[in-house]
């Protein structure tokens, strides 16, 4: 019998107004695991209206009190780690280890947001006018809509709500249709920590209704801000809907992360980081290593090490704690990856290892000799496959790295750190790690991309400017002289 996930509106867990539901199916077992309420326009209106009504009191609450509540919610979330990790496996086919990693990072994000809530919300601005006190005051925006994906469901569901809450906004979280129970667990931690009714609300929906639900959330008169993590295709739609309404957006979208291996790289370290970056969570991370761009002089040696590491990964059931690489989220995703690999093979690429699968379970795959004529060169795979592209020198490697519409994460491996840093400076990406994997995130770091990977930044050092509006307030403490 599937578990259930209701909506949360104005502090009350409830079914959709229409009574409609939708089932989530596990890609490995092909069984229904969650029956979620399928919200409609009336539910969206109720959720946004509840958030708007709760905004005055929540925004007026001292930051220390907001921060303490968020930190408590993080503790509650962490205490439920095994239960939430099990839900990650059931709904998204992620491994247990991936689920626990999600919970740990998300709990840290709650605590970091608790600290952000206590930071000053204004600063003095220098003025040339005698007796004029001038301040920049950061004020919360109002109702913020967070739209979170399924692939790192605890981390990204948490990120969609905590920064907005920390800075005095109220939130409507639109859960992923694939992970409603996981996203519901985040909201439940906030409720159980004592967050006031209406401050956070949860909407779940049928995938067929997603466009209408998202449109209603954006277009609601009380919605002030939308943050979205997901595909570039959907991100463009959200930006286009929000722009005529002058509503601010924060978009973290697709990626095709390049991993540059220079001629002086530590190949053992590079192979280890590339294996992690390409195959962690079956390659279903926005930062996943999609392209290994390797100098021709070291390519053969790197391929040998990379293949050995890929072949040593344990694949199988997401419910076995020994599994390193589990199934992809749906069989449709598996078919997409298979098509990319087949297309590369037909155009002359070599399958170094992998290229096999059954249902949603795919073997970690390394494809060498990838060229621009192949779909794998440019299309985001979002699966356990990595393209190896040959570069002739540093300039060629940089050219290849930038030959993509995306620009989220990147990595450069080389022993000459000064040279590696100069290469990193030339890569068009929001994130770049030198001698580290493309997959890396911390609550304090500025996180976001350029080009078709979106705009804006998450992270405690950046969110003040994303989730508040800045006002200039002056006080004249002496008589002013005016020219007329």
Protein backbone atom coordinates (compact mmCIF):
# COMPACT_ATOMS: atom_id res chain seq x y z
CA UNK A 1 0.00 0.00 0.00
CA UNK A 2 1.59 3.34 -1.01
CA UNK A 3 2.29 5.96 1.63
CA UNK A 4 0.36 9.21 1.32
CA UNK A 5 1.40 12.85 1.06
CA UNK A 6 -1.08 15.65 1.67
CA UNK A 7 -0.82 19.37 1.03
CA UNK A 8 0.06 21.75 3.86
CA UNK A 9 -1.94 24.97 3.72
CA UNK A 10 -2.15 27.47 6.57
CA UNK A 11 -0.80 24.96 9.07
CA UNK A 12 -3.23 22.18 8.13
CA UNK A 13 -2.41 18.93 6.33
CA UNK A 14 -5.21 18.32 3.86
CA UNK A 15 -6.21 16.68 0.59
CA UNK A 16 -6.55 18.60 -2.66
CA UNK A 17 -9.82 20.51 -2.93
CA UNK A 18 -10.83 18.29 -5.84
CA UNK A 19 -9.85 15.09 -4.05
CA UNK A 20 -7.52 14.21 -6.95
CA UNK A 21 -4.36 12.18 -6.36
CA UNK A 22 -1.37 10.88 -8.30
CA UNK A 23 0.90 7.90 -7.62
CA UNK A 24 4.71 7.92 -7.62
CA UNK A 25 6.22 4.73 -9.05
CA UNK A 26 9.68 3.41 -8.12
CA UNK A 27 11.71 2.82 -11.29
CA UNK A 28 13.44 -0.29 -9.90
CA UNK A 29 10.48 -2.19 -8.45
CA UNK A 30 7.88 -0.59 -10.77
CA UNK A 31 5.56 -0.36 -7.76
CA UNK A 32 3.58 2.64 -6.52
CA UNK A 33 5.25 4.01 -3.39
CA UNK A 34 3.47 7.32 -2.69
CA UNK A 35 -0.03 8.62 -3.35
CA UNK A 36 0.19 12.42 -3.41
CA UNK A 37 -2.57 14.99 -3.33
CA UNK A 38 -2.94 16.56 -6.78
CA UNK A 39 -3.42 20.28 -6.20
CA UNK A 40 -5.35 22.56 -8.50
CA UNK A 41 -5.87 26.30 -8.88
CA UNK A 42 -8.00 26.56 -5.72
CA UNK A 43 -5.28 24.94 -3.63
CA UNK A 44 -2.63 27.23 -5.09
CA UNK A 45 -4.71 30.28 -4.26
CA UNK A 46 -5.26 29.05 -0.70
CA UNK A 47 -1.56 28.35 -0.17
CA UNK A 48 -0.30 31.69 -1.51
CA UNK A 49 -3.04 33.57 0.36
CA UNK A 50 -2.09 31.81 3.60
CA UNK A 51 1.57 32.74 3.08
CA UNK A 52 0.60 36.36 2.39
CA UNK A 53 -1.49 36.52 5.56
CA UNK A 54 1.37 35.09 7.64
CA UNK A 55 3.99 37.44 6.21
CA UNK A 56 3.52 40.54 8.44
CA UNK A 57 4.00 38.66 11.71
CA UNK A 58 6.82 36.42 10.44
CA UNK A 59 8.79 39.31 8.91
CA UNK A 60 8.42 41.27 12.16
CA UNK A 61 9.74 38.38 14.28
CA UNK A 62 13.27 39.07 15.58
CA UNK A 63 15.91 37.34 13.46
CA UNK A 64 17.23 35.46 16.48
CA UNK A 65 13.85 33.79 16.93
CA UNK A 66 13.58 32.88 13.25
CA UNK A 67 17.12 31.53 13.39
CA UNK A 68 16.49 29.40 16.46
CA UNK A 69 13.44 27.86 14.83
CA UNK A 70 15.34 27.03 11.64
CA UNK A 71 18.20 25.46 13.59
CA UNK A 72 15.70 23.36 15.56
CA UNK A 73 14.10 22.20 12.30
CA UNK A 74 17.55 21.14 11.07
CA UNK A 75 18.04 19.04 14.20
CA UNK A 76 14.63 17.41 13.70
CA UNK A 77 15.40 16.69 10.04
CA UNK A 78 18.72 15.10 10.96
CA UNK A 79 17.13 12.95 13.66
CA UNK A 80 14.82 11.49 10.99
CA UNK A 81 17.69 10.77 8.60
CA UNK A 82 17.18 7.04 8.09
CA UNK A 83 13.43 7.44 7.55
CA UNK A 84 13.97 10.22 5.00
CA UNK A 85 16.77 8.33 3.24
CA UNK A 86 14.42 5.37 2.87
CA UNK A 87 11.86 7.67 1.24
CA UNK A 88 14.57 8.93 -1.15
CA UNK A 89 15.19 5.34 -2.25
CA UNK A 90 11.50 4.60 -2.59
CA UNK A 91 10.52 7.69 -4.57
CA UNK A 92 13.63 8.49 -6.63
CA UNK A 93 15.58 5.17 -6.62
CA UNK A 94 18.52 6.96 -5.01
CA UNK A 95 20.81 4.84 -2.85
CA UNK A 96 20.53 4.90 0.93
CA UNK A 97 23.95 6.55 1.15
CA UNK A 98 22.83 9.29 -1.21
CA UNK A 99 19.76 9.89 0.92
CA UNK A 100 21.80 10.14 4.13
CA UNK A 101 24.26 12.52 2.44
CA UNK A 102 21.29 14.66 1.41
CA UNK A 103 19.98 14.80 4.95
CA UNK A 104 23.36 15.74 6.41
CA UNK A 105 23.96 18.60 4.00
CA UNK A 106 20.37 19.83 4.33
CA UNK A 107 20.61 19.88 8.13
CA UNK A 108 23.75 21.99 7.80
CA UNK A 109 21.89 24.32 5.46
CA UNK A 110 19.13 24.79 8.06
CA UNK A 111 21.76 25.77 10.64
CA UNK A 112 23.53 28.11 8.22
CA UNK A 113 20.17 29.74 7.48
CA UNK A 114 19.65 30.09 11.22
CA UNK A 115 22.83 32.16 11.34
CA UNK A 116 21.80 34.24 8.31
CA UNK A 117 18.54 35.10 10.07
CA UNK A 118 20.55 36.87 12.76
CA UNK A 119 22.70 39.01 10.47
CA UNK A 120 22.17 42.80 10.30
CA UNK A 121 19.53 43.84 7.81
CA UNK A 122 20.88 47.33 7.27
CA UNK A 123 24.13 49.24 6.88
CA UNK A 124 25.23 52.85 6.98
CA UNK A 125 25.78 54.61 3.66
CA UNK A 126 28.24 57.51 3.48
CA UNK A 127 26.63 60.87 2.76
CA UNK A 128 28.18 64.21 1.78
CA UNK A 129 25.22 66.10 3.32
CA UNK A 130 25.92 67.46 6.82
CA UNK A 131 23.61 66.01 9.44
CA UNK A 132 22.12 63.40 7.07
CA UNK A 133 21.99 59.82 8.32
CA UNK A 134 21.84 57.48 5.33
CA UNK A 135 21.12 53.75 5.45
CA UNK A 136 20.63 50.82 3.08
CA UNK A 137 17.85 48.71 4.58
CA UNK A 138 17.20 45.16 3.41
CA UNK A 139 13.55 44.17 3.70
CA UNK A 140 11.95 40.79 2.93
CA UNK A 141 10.02 40.53 -0.31
CA UNK A 142 6.85 38.75 0.83
CA UNK A 143 5.69 35.40 -0.53
CA UNK A 144 8.46 33.39 -2.15
CA UNK A 145 7.64 30.33 -4.27
CA UNK A 146 10.23 27.55 -4.17
CA UNK A 147 10.12 24.91 -6.92
CA UNK A 148 12.39 21.96 -6.14
CA UNK A 149 13.49 18.93 -8.19
CA UNK A 150 13.72 15.23 -7.31
CA UNK A 151 17.39 14.51 -7.93
CA UNK A 152 18.88 15.80 -4.66
CA UNK A 153 15.50 16.07 -2.99
CA UNK A 154 16.43 16.87 0.60
CA UNK A 155 19.20 19.31 -0.27
CA UNK A 156 17.35 21.14 -3.01
CA UNK A 157 13.97 21.04 -1.28
CA UNK A 158 15.61 22.60 1.77
CA UNK A 159 17.44 25.18 -0.31
CA UNK A 160 14.14 26.20 -1.91
CA UNK A 161 12.73 27.35 1.43
CA UNK A 162 15.32 28.05 4.16
CA UNK A 163 17.05 31.15 2.79
CA UNK A 164 13.75 32.86 2.09
CA UNK A 165 12.45 32.00 5.57
CA UNK A 166 15.65 33.15 7.26
CA UNK A 167 15.28 36.62 5.79
CA UNK A 168 11.65 37.06 6.86
CA UNK A 169 9.78 35.87 3.79
CA UNK A 170 6.99 33.31 3.79
CA UNK A 171 7.10 30.36 1.40
CA UNK A 172 5.06 28.06 -0.80
CA UNK A 173 7.09 24.98 -1.72
CA UNK A 174 5.98 23.20 -4.88
CA UNK A 175 7.30 19.69 -4.40
CA UNK A 176 8.63 17.57 -7.22
CA UNK A 177 6.02 15.16 -8.56
CA UNK A 178 8.67 12.44 -8.17
CA UNK A 179 9.59 13.11 -4.52
CA UNK A 180 6.55 14.59 -2.72
CA UNK A 181 7.05 12.60 0.48
CA UNK A 182 10.70 13.65 0.77
CA UNK A 183 9.79 17.29 0.26
CA UNK A 184 6.91 16.83 2.69
CA UNK A 185 9.42 15.64 5.31
CA UNK A 186 11.28 18.98 5.05
CA UNK A 187 8.09 20.92 5.65
CA UNK A 188 7.10 18.55 8.47
CA UNK A 189 10.40 19.29 10.24
CA UNK A 190 9.59 23.00 10.13
CA UNK A 191 6.04 22.41 11.39
CA UNK A 192 7.28 20.22 14.24
CA UNK A 193 9.89 22.84 15.13
CA UNK A 194 7.01 25.27 15.73
CA UNK A 195 6.89 27.45 12.63
CA UNK A 196 3.66 29.52 12.67
CA UNK A 197 0.76 28.48 10.45
CA UNK A 198 0.99 29.82 6.92
CA UNK A 199 4.69 30.66 7.02
CA UNK A 200 5.51 27.55 4.99
CA UNK A 201 3.03 25.75 2.74
CA UNK A 202 3.36 22.64 0.57
CA UNK A 203 1.82 22.01 -2.85
CA UNK A 204 2.01 18.61 -4.58
CA UNK A 205 0.51 17.88 -7.98
CA UNK A 206 -0.08 15.50 -10.85
CA UNK A 207 2.70 15.85 -13.48
CA UNK A 208 0.04 16.52 -16.09
CA UNK A 209 -1.07 19.58 -14.12
CA UNK A 210 2.43 20.97 -13.53
CA UNK A 211 2.26 23.78 -16.10
CA UNK A 212 -1.04 25.06 -14.73
CA UNK A 213 0.08 24.82 -11.10
CA UNK A 214 3.38 26.60 -11.74
CA UNK A 215 1.63 29.25 -13.83
CA UNK A 216 -0.88 29.88 -11.06
CA UNK A 217 1.89 30.19 -8.47
CA UNK A 218 3.80 32.72 -10.58
CA UNK A 219 0.76 34.74 -11.59
CA UNK A 220 -0.83 34.97 -8.14
CA UNK A 221 -0.89 38.67 -7.15
CA UNK A 222 0.68 37.93 -3.76
CA UNK A 223 3.70 36.05 -5.15
CA UNK A 224 6.83 38.23 -5.04
CA UNK A 225 9.68 35.88 -5.95
CA UNK A 226 10.23 32.48 -7.57
CA UNK A 227 13.27 30.29 -7.09
CA UNK A 228 13.52 27.25 -9.33
CA UNK A 229 15.99 24.40 -9.67
CA UNK A 230 15.52 22.15 -12.67
CA UNK A 231 15.86 21.95 -16.41
CA UNK A 232 16.83 24.87 -18.62
CA UNK A 233 13.72 24.28 -20.71
CA UNK A 234 11.38 24.81 -17.75
CA UNK A 235 13.56 27.60 -16.36
CA UNK A 236 13.07 29.59 -19.56
CA UNK A 237 9.29 29.18 -19.27
CA UNK A 238 9.35 30.41 -15.66
CA UNK A 239 11.52 33.41 -16.56
CA UNK A 240 9.22 34.30 -19.46
CA UNK A 241 6.10 34.09 -17.27
CA UNK A 242 7.65 36.13 -14.45
CA UNK A 243 9.25 38.87 -16.56
CA UNK A 244 6.07 40.69 -17.72
CA UNK A 245 4.91 40.74 -14.10
CA UNK A 246 8.27 42.19 -12.94
CA UNK A 247 8.66 39.33 -10.49
CA UNK A 248 12.16 38.37 -9.47
CA UNK A 249 13.50 34.91 -10.16
CA UNK A 250 16.47 32.83 -9.03
CA UNK A 251 17.13 30.03 -11.51
CA UNK A 252 19.57 27.13 -11.13
CA UNK A 253 19.28 25.10 -14.31
CA UNK A 254 20.99 22.44 -16.41
CA UNK A 255 24.67 21.66 -16.76
CA UNK A 256 27.22 19.90 -18.95
CA UNK A 257 30.15 20.14 -16.57
CA UNK A 258 33.63 19.97 -18.14
CA UNK A 259 36.46 18.25 -16.26
CA UNK A 260 39.79 19.39 -17.70
CA UNK A 261 42.82 17.13 -17.28
CA UNK A 262 45.99 19.01 -18.20
CA UNK A 263 49.24 17.38 -19.30
CA UNK A 264 50.78 17.72 -15.81
CA UNK A 265 47.77 16.41 -13.86
CA UNK A 266 47.94 13.82 -11.08
CA UNK A 267 46.10 11.16 -13.06
CA UNK A 268 45.23 8.98 -10.09
CA UNK A 269 43.61 11.92 -8.31
CA UNK A 270 41.90 13.02 -11.52
CA UNK A 271 40.46 9.55 -12.17
CA UNK A 272 39.17 9.34 -8.61
CA UNK A 273 37.47 12.76 -8.76
CA UNK A 274 36.08 12.14 -12.24
CA UNK A 275 34.60 8.79 -11.21
CA UNK A 276 32.87 10.41 -8.26
CA UNK A 277 31.70 13.38 -10.33
CA UNK A 278 30.39 11.28 -13.21
CA UNK A 279 28.74 8.39 -11.38
CA UNK A 280 27.66 9.62 -7.95
CA UNK A 281 23.85 9.26 -7.82
CA UNK A 282 24.02 7.69 -11.29
CA UNK A 283 25.12 11.02 -12.78
CA UNK A 284 21.82 12.69 -11.88
CA UNK A 285 23.28 15.84 -10.33
CA UNK A 286 23.31 19.26 -11.98
CA UNK A 287 27.07 19.41 -11.32
CA UNK A 288 27.79 15.88 -12.61
CA UNK A 289 30.93 15.48 -14.71
CA UNK A 290 29.50 15.13 -18.22
CA UNK A 291 32.65 15.84 -20.26
CA UNK A 292 36.22 14.85 -19.47
CA UNK A 293 38.44 17.04 -21.64
CA UNK A 294 41.88 15.47 -21.49
CA UNK A 295 45.20 16.43 -23.04
CA UNK A 296 46.12 13.96 -25.78
CA UNK A 297 49.47 13.19 -24.13
CA UNK A 298 47.87 11.67 -21.02
CA UNK A 299 44.57 10.42 -22.43
CA UNK A 300 45.40 6.70 -22.67
CA UNK A 301 46.77 6.56 -19.12
CA UNK A 302 43.73 8.38 -17.75
CA UNK A 303 41.29 6.13 -19.62
CA UNK A 304 42.92 3.04 -18.15
CA UNK A 305 42.56 4.36 -14.61
CA UNK A 306 39.04 5.66 -15.21
CA UNK A 307 37.82 2.37 -16.67
CA UNK A 308 39.23 0.38 -13.74
CA UNK A 309 37.45 2.63 -11.25
CA UNK A 310 34.14 2.58 -13.14
CA UNK A 311 34.19 -1.22 -13.39
CA UNK A 312 34.79 -1.51 -9.63
CA UNK A 313 31.61 0.39 -8.73
CA UNK A 314 28.83 -1.74 -7.24
CA UNK A 315 25.55 -1.34 -9.12
CA UNK A 316 22.16 -2.68 -8.14
CA UNK A 317 19.15 -2.16 -5.92
CA UNK A 318 18.80 1.26 -4.28
CA UNK A 319 17.60 -0.55 -1.15
CA UNK A 320 20.94 -2.33 -0.59
CA UNK A 321 23.35 -0.24 1.47
CA UNK A 322 26.33 -1.65 -0.45
CA UNK A 323 25.07 -0.23 -3.78
CA UNK A 324 27.20 2.63 -5.10
CA UNK A 325 25.35 3.27 -8.39
CA UNK A 326 21.63 2.63 -8.36
CA UNK A 327 18.96 2.95 -11.06
CA UNK A 328 18.10 6.18 -12.79
CA UNK A 329 14.85 7.81 -11.79
CA UNK A 330 12.66 6.49 -14.62
CA UNK A 331 12.92 4.05 -17.49
CA UNK A 332 12.45 7.02 -19.81
CA UNK A 333 15.69 8.45 -18.41
CA UNK A 334 17.37 5.11 -19.08
CA UNK A 335 16.18 5.16 -22.68
CA UNK A 336 17.52 8.71 -23.12
CA UNK A 337 20.97 7.72 -21.89
CA UNK A 338 20.93 4.62 -24.08
CA UNK A 339 20.10 6.71 -27.14
CA UNK A 340 23.02 9.05 -26.45
CA UNK A 341 25.45 6.14 -26.10
CA UNK A 342 24.14 4.41 -29.22
CA UNK A 343 24.39 7.63 -31.23
CA UNK A 344 28.00 8.13 -30.09
CA UNK A 345 28.87 4.55 -31.03
CA UNK A 346 27.30 4.91 -34.46
CA UNK A 347 29.37 8.03 -35.09
CA UNK A 348 32.65 6.34 -34.24
CA UNK A 349 33.09 6.73 -30.48
CA UNK A 350 34.56 3.89 -28.43
CA UNK A 351 32.75 2.44 -25.41
CA UNK A 352 35.64 2.01 -23.00
CA UNK A 353 33.48 0.36 -20.35
CA UNK A 354 29.78 -0.02 -19.61
CA UNK A 355 27.09 0.73 -22.15
CA UNK A 356 24.79 -1.96 -20.79
CA UNK A 357 21.62 -1.90 -18.78
CA UNK A 358 18.30 -3.44 -17.90
CA UNK A 359 15.25 -1.36 -17.14
CA UNK A 360 16.29 1.69 -15.15
CA UNK A 361 19.61 0.16 -14.04
CA UNK A 362 22.58 1.19 -16.18
CA UNK A 363 26.25 0.28 -15.85
CA UNK A 364 28.70 3.18 -15.39
CA UNK A 365 29.75 4.05 -18.93
CA UNK A 366 32.88 5.76 -20.27
CA UNK A 367 32.75 6.84 -23.93
CA UNK A 368 36.00 7.95 -25.61
CA UNK A 369 36.55 9.80 -28.87
CA UNK A 370 33.44 11.96 -28.49
CA UNK A 371 33.15 14.71 -31.13
CA UNK A 372 30.71 17.56 -31.82
CA UNK A 373 28.81 15.40 -34.33
CA UNK A 374 27.56 13.23 -31.46
CA UNK A 375 24.58 14.09 -29.27
CA UNK A 376 26.57 13.10 -26.18
CA UNK A 377 28.92 16.03 -26.87
CA UNK A 378 26.28 18.67 -26.24
CA UNK A 379 23.12 17.14 -24.70
CA UNK A 380 22.83 16.84 -20.93
CA UNK A 381 22.71 13.10 -20.24
CA UNK A 382 21.70 13.15 -16.56
CA UNK A 383 22.77 9.52 -16.26
CA UNK A 384 25.81 7.33 -15.48
CA UNK A 385 27.73 8.11 -18.67
CA UNK A 386 30.70 10.39 -19.26
CA UNK A 387 32.10 11.63 -22.58
CA UNK A 388 35.88 11.75 -23.00
CA UNK A 389 37.02 14.46 -25.43
CA UNK A 390 40.60 14.84 -26.66
CA UNK A 391 42.30 18.24 -26.35
CA UNK A 392 45.51 19.40 -28.04
CA UNK A 393 46.94 21.75 -25.44
CA UNK A 394 45.53 24.21 -22.94
CA UNK A 395 43.91 26.61 -25.40
CA UNK A 396 42.07 23.77 -27.10
CA UNK A 397 40.92 22.43 -23.72
CA UNK A 398 39.47 25.82 -22.79
CA UNK A 399 37.78 26.10 -26.18
CA UNK A 400 36.16 22.70 -25.75
CA UNK A 401 35.10 23.46 -22.17
CA UNK A 402 33.30 26.60 -23.33
CA UNK A 403 31.71 24.95 -26.36
CA UNK A 404 28.36 24.46 -24.63
CA UNK A 405 25.23 26.44 -23.86
CA UNK A 406 25.65 25.58 -20.17
CA UNK A 407 27.90 27.05 -17.50
CA UNK A 408 27.29 25.68 -14.02
CA UNK A 409 30.24 23.68 -12.63
CA UNK A 410 33.71 22.82 -13.93
CA UNK A 411 37.00 21.35 -12.75
CA UNK A 412 40.65 21.68 -13.75
CA UNK A 413 43.35 19.17 -12.81
CA UNK A 414 47.02 20.13 -13.00
CA UNK A 415 50.04 20.14 -10.71
CA UNK A 416 51.04 23.70 -11.69
CA UNK A 417 48.45 25.51 -9.60
CA UNK A 418 49.15 28.93 -11.10
CA UNK A 419 48.57 27.56 -14.61
CA UNK A 420 45.49 25.66 -13.48
CA UNK A 421 44.08 28.85 -11.97
CA UNK A 422 44.68 30.74 -15.19
CA UNK A 423 42.79 28.00 -17.06
CA UNK A 424 39.94 28.13 -14.54
CA UNK A 425 39.65 31.89 -15.04
CA UNK A 426 38.97 31.34 -18.75
CA UNK A 427 36.17 28.79 -18.27
CA UNK A 428 32.64 30.14 -18.54
CA UNK A 429 31.03 28.67 -15.43
CA UNK A 430 29.60 29.87 -12.17
CA UNK A 431 31.66 27.30 -10.24
CA UNK A 432 35.13 25.87 -10.88
CA UNK A 433 37.17 23.53 -8.68
CA UNK A 434 40.91 23.14 -9.14
CA UNK A 435 42.08 19.59 -8.40
CA UNK A 436 38.61 18.73 -7.08
CA UNK A 437 35.43 17.12 -8.40
CA UNK A 438 32.77 19.07 -10.28
CA UNK A 439 30.26 17.84 -7.68
CA UNK A 440 30.70 19.92 -4.55
CA UNK A 441 28.39 22.13 -2.51
CA UNK A 442 28.51 23.90 0.84
CA UNK A 443 25.82 26.03 2.50
CA UNK A 444 28.19 29.00 2.72
CA UNK A 445 29.33 28.94 -0.92
CA UNK A 446 27.93 31.10 -3.76
CA UNK A 447 26.12 28.53 -5.90
CA UNK A 448 24.78 29.16 -9.39
CA UNK A 449 25.62 29.28 -13.07
CA UNK A 450 26.02 31.42 -16.17
CA UNK A 451 24.67 31.15 -19.72
CA UNK A 452 21.83 28.59 -19.94
CA UNK A 453 22.61 27.31 -16.46
CA UNK A 454 20.64 30.19 -14.99
CA UNK A 455 21.19 33.31 -12.92
CA UNK A 456 21.36 34.36 -9.30
CA UNK A 457 23.15 32.63 -6.45
CA UNK A 458 22.20 30.48 -3.48
CA UNK A 459 24.44 30.29 -0.41
CA UNK A 460 24.55 32.20 2.86
CA UNK A 461 26.90 34.88 1.53
CA UNK A 462 24.64 35.72 -1.41
CA UNK A 463 21.03 35.31 -0.37
CA UNK A 464 20.62 38.70 1.29
CA UNK A 465 20.54 40.21 -2.20
CA UNK A 466 18.37 37.43 -3.66
CA UNK A 467 15.57 37.30 -1.09
CA UNK A 468 15.28 40.93 0.05
CA UNK A 469 14.74 44.31 -1.54
CA UNK A 470 17.17 47.10 -0.65
CA UNK A 471 15.74 50.47 0.30
CA UNK A 472 17.60 53.74 0.83
CA UNK A 473 16.38 55.47 3.99
CA UNK A 474 17.65 58.85 5.16
CA UNK A 475 17.05 60.94 8.28
CA UNK A 476 17.90 64.65 8.35
CA UNK A 477 19.21 65.42 11.85
CA UNK A 478 20.10 69.07 11.06
CA UNK A 479 18.24 71.77 9.09
CA UNK A 480 18.75 71.34 5.33
CA UNK A 481 19.60 74.12 2.89
CA UNK A 482 17.91 73.84 -0.52
CA UNK A 483 18.81 75.96 -3.59
CA UNK A 484 15.27 77.23 -4.12
